Amino acid sequence: MAAKSPYPAELRKRAVRMVAQVRPDYPTEWAAINAVAAKLGIGTAETLRKWIRQAQIDEGQRPGTTSDESAELKRLRRENAELRRANEILKAASAFFAAELDRPHTHS
């Protein structure tokens, strides 16, 4: 499971917007990303590059799994694991009760 980002969502959005705004002032996108990351105190430029790529995916500009799809997959995987655990418990309980029914009972 991925750790929660130490960067607030608003900072992420602002950084992505800033790169788009200043991009024409730099020879490459990477140079613009480095400058914005340094200005905003983002640990590494690679972090900001990933935010930009995810924003492009979320906006339909790039193929990939959107943030909403990732969240839904995560929720479904968690739900699936929970249902598997419940199913195992029910199997164990039914085996226990079936054994109880098969056991001879003495009446006093």
Protein backbone atom coordinates (compact mmCIF):
# COMPACT_ATOMS: atom_id res chain seq x y z
CA MET A 1 0.00 0.00 0.00
CA ALA A 2 1.39 3.40 -0.97
CA ALA A 3 2.24 5.85 1.78
CA LYS A 4 0.28 9.09 2.08
CA SER A 5 2.05 11.94 0.32
CA PRO A 6 3.62 14.56 2.57
CA TYR A 7 2.54 17.16 -0.01
CA PRO A 8 -0.99 18.57 0.14
CA ALA A 9 -3.19 18.15 -2.95
CA GLU A 10 -3.33 21.93 -3.48
CA LEU A 11 0.48 22.13 -3.65
CA ARG A 12 0.51 19.31 -6.18
CA LYS A 13 -2.06 21.06 -8.39
CA ARG A 14 -0.26 24.39 -8.07
CA ALA A 15 3.10 22.84 -9.00
CA VAL A 16 1.61 21.13 -12.07
CA ARG A 17 -0.01 24.42 -13.18
CA MET A 18 3.24 26.32 -12.60
CA VAL A 19 5.24 23.96 -14.80
CA ALA A 20 2.70 24.44 -17.62
CA GLN A 21 2.91 28.22 -17.18
CA VAL A 22 6.71 28.52 -17.11
CA ARG A 23 7.46 25.77 -19.65
CA PRO A 24 7.97 28.26 -22.55
CA ASP A 25 10.71 30.00 -20.50
CA TYR A 26 12.87 26.84 -20.38
CA PRO A 27 14.59 24.79 -23.08
CA THR A 28 13.00 21.51 -21.90
CA GLU A 29 10.09 20.36 -19.77
CA TRP A 30 12.62 18.75 -17.39
CA ALA A 31 14.36 22.11 -16.87
CA ALA A 32 10.99 23.72 -16.06
CA ILE A 33 10.14 20.85 -13.67
CA ASN A 34 13.51 21.23 -11.89
CA ALA A 35 13.02 24.97 -11.48
CA VAL A 36 9.48 24.67 -10.09
CA ALA A 37 10.41 21.78 -7.78
CA ALA A 38 13.28 23.85 -6.34
CA LYS A 39 11.12 26.96 -5.99
CA LEU A 40 8.33 25.11 -4.14
CA GLY A 41 10.64 22.95 -2.01
CA ILE A 42 9.51 19.66 -3.55
CA GLY A 43 12.03 16.96 -2.61
CA THR A 44 12.94 15.82 -6.11
CA ALA A 45 12.02 16.92 -9.60
CA GLU A 46 11.04 13.31 -10.33
CA THR A 47 8.22 13.63 -7.78
CA LEU A 48 6.83 16.63 -9.67
CA ARG A 49 7.30 14.86 -13.02
CA LYS A 50 5.13 11.99 -11.75
CA TRP A 51 2.44 14.43 -10.61
CA ILE A 52 2.44 16.00 -14.06
CA ARG A 53 2.13 12.61 -15.80
CA GLN A 54 -0.73 11.59 -13.48
CA ALA A 55 -2.51 14.91 -14.13
CA GLN A 56 -2.16 14.28 -17.88
CA ILE A 57 -3.67 10.80 -17.46
CA ASP A 58 -6.51 12.16 -15.30
CA GLU A 59 -7.25 14.82 -17.94
CA GLY A 60 -7.28 12.24 -20.74
CA GLN A 61 -4.18 13.68 -22.43
CA ARG A 62 -2.15 10.53 -21.85
CA PRO A 63 -3.07 6.83 -21.65
CA GLY A 64 -2.96 5.14 -18.28
CA THR A 65 -4.90 4.45 -15.10
CA THR A 66 -6.61 7.55 -13.73
CA SER A 67 -6.50 8.46 -10.05
CA ASP A 68 -10.21 7.60 -9.76
CA GLU A 69 -9.65 4.19 -11.39
CA SER A 70 -6.72 3.51 -9.05
CA ALA A 71 -8.85 4.41 -6.02
CA GLU A 72 -11.68 2.15 -7.25
CA LEU A 73 -9.26 -0.75 -7.86
CA LYS A 74 -7.82 -0.31 -4.38
CA ARG A 75 -11.33 -0.27 -2.85
CA LEU A 76 -12.37 -3.39 -4.82
CA ARG A 77 -9.20 -5.28 -3.85
CA ARG A 78 -9.81 -4.47 -0.19
CA GLU A 79 -13.46 -5.56 -0.49
CA ASN A 80 -12.42 -8.75 -2.30
CA ALA A 81 -9.93 -9.63 0.47
CA GLU A 82 -12.62 -9.00 3.10
CA LEU A 83 -15.08 -11.25 1.25
CA ARG A 84 -12.45 -14.00 0.94
CA ARG A 85 -11.84 -13.85 4.70
CA ALA A 86 -15.59 -14.02 5.40
CA ASN A 87 -15.91 -16.96 3.00
CA GLU A 88 -13.10 -18.85 4.80
CA ILE A 89 -14.84 -18.24 8.15
CA LEU A 90 -18.14 -19.52 6.75
CA LYS A 91 -16.45 -22.62 5.28
CA ALA A 92 -14.83 -23.39 8.64
CA ALA A 93 -18.14 -22.88 10.47
CA SER A 94 -20.07 -25.09 8.06
CA ALA A 95 -17.43 -27.84 8.39
CA PHE A 96 -17.68 -27.58 12.18
CA PHE A 97 -21.47 -27.82 12.20
CA ALA A 98 -21.47 -30.64 9.64
CA ALA A 99 -19.10 -32.59 11.92
CA GLU A 100 -21.40 -31.91 14.89
CA LEU A 101 -24.38 -33.27 12.97
CA ASP A 102 -22.47 -36.43 11.98
CA ARG A 103 -21.32 -37.11 15.55
CA PRO A 104 -23.44 -39.63 17.41
CA HIS A 105 -25.26 -38.04 20.33
CA THR A 106 -26.07 -39.97 23.48
CA HIS A 107 -29.38 -39.23 25.14
CA SER A 108 -29.58 -39.56 28.90
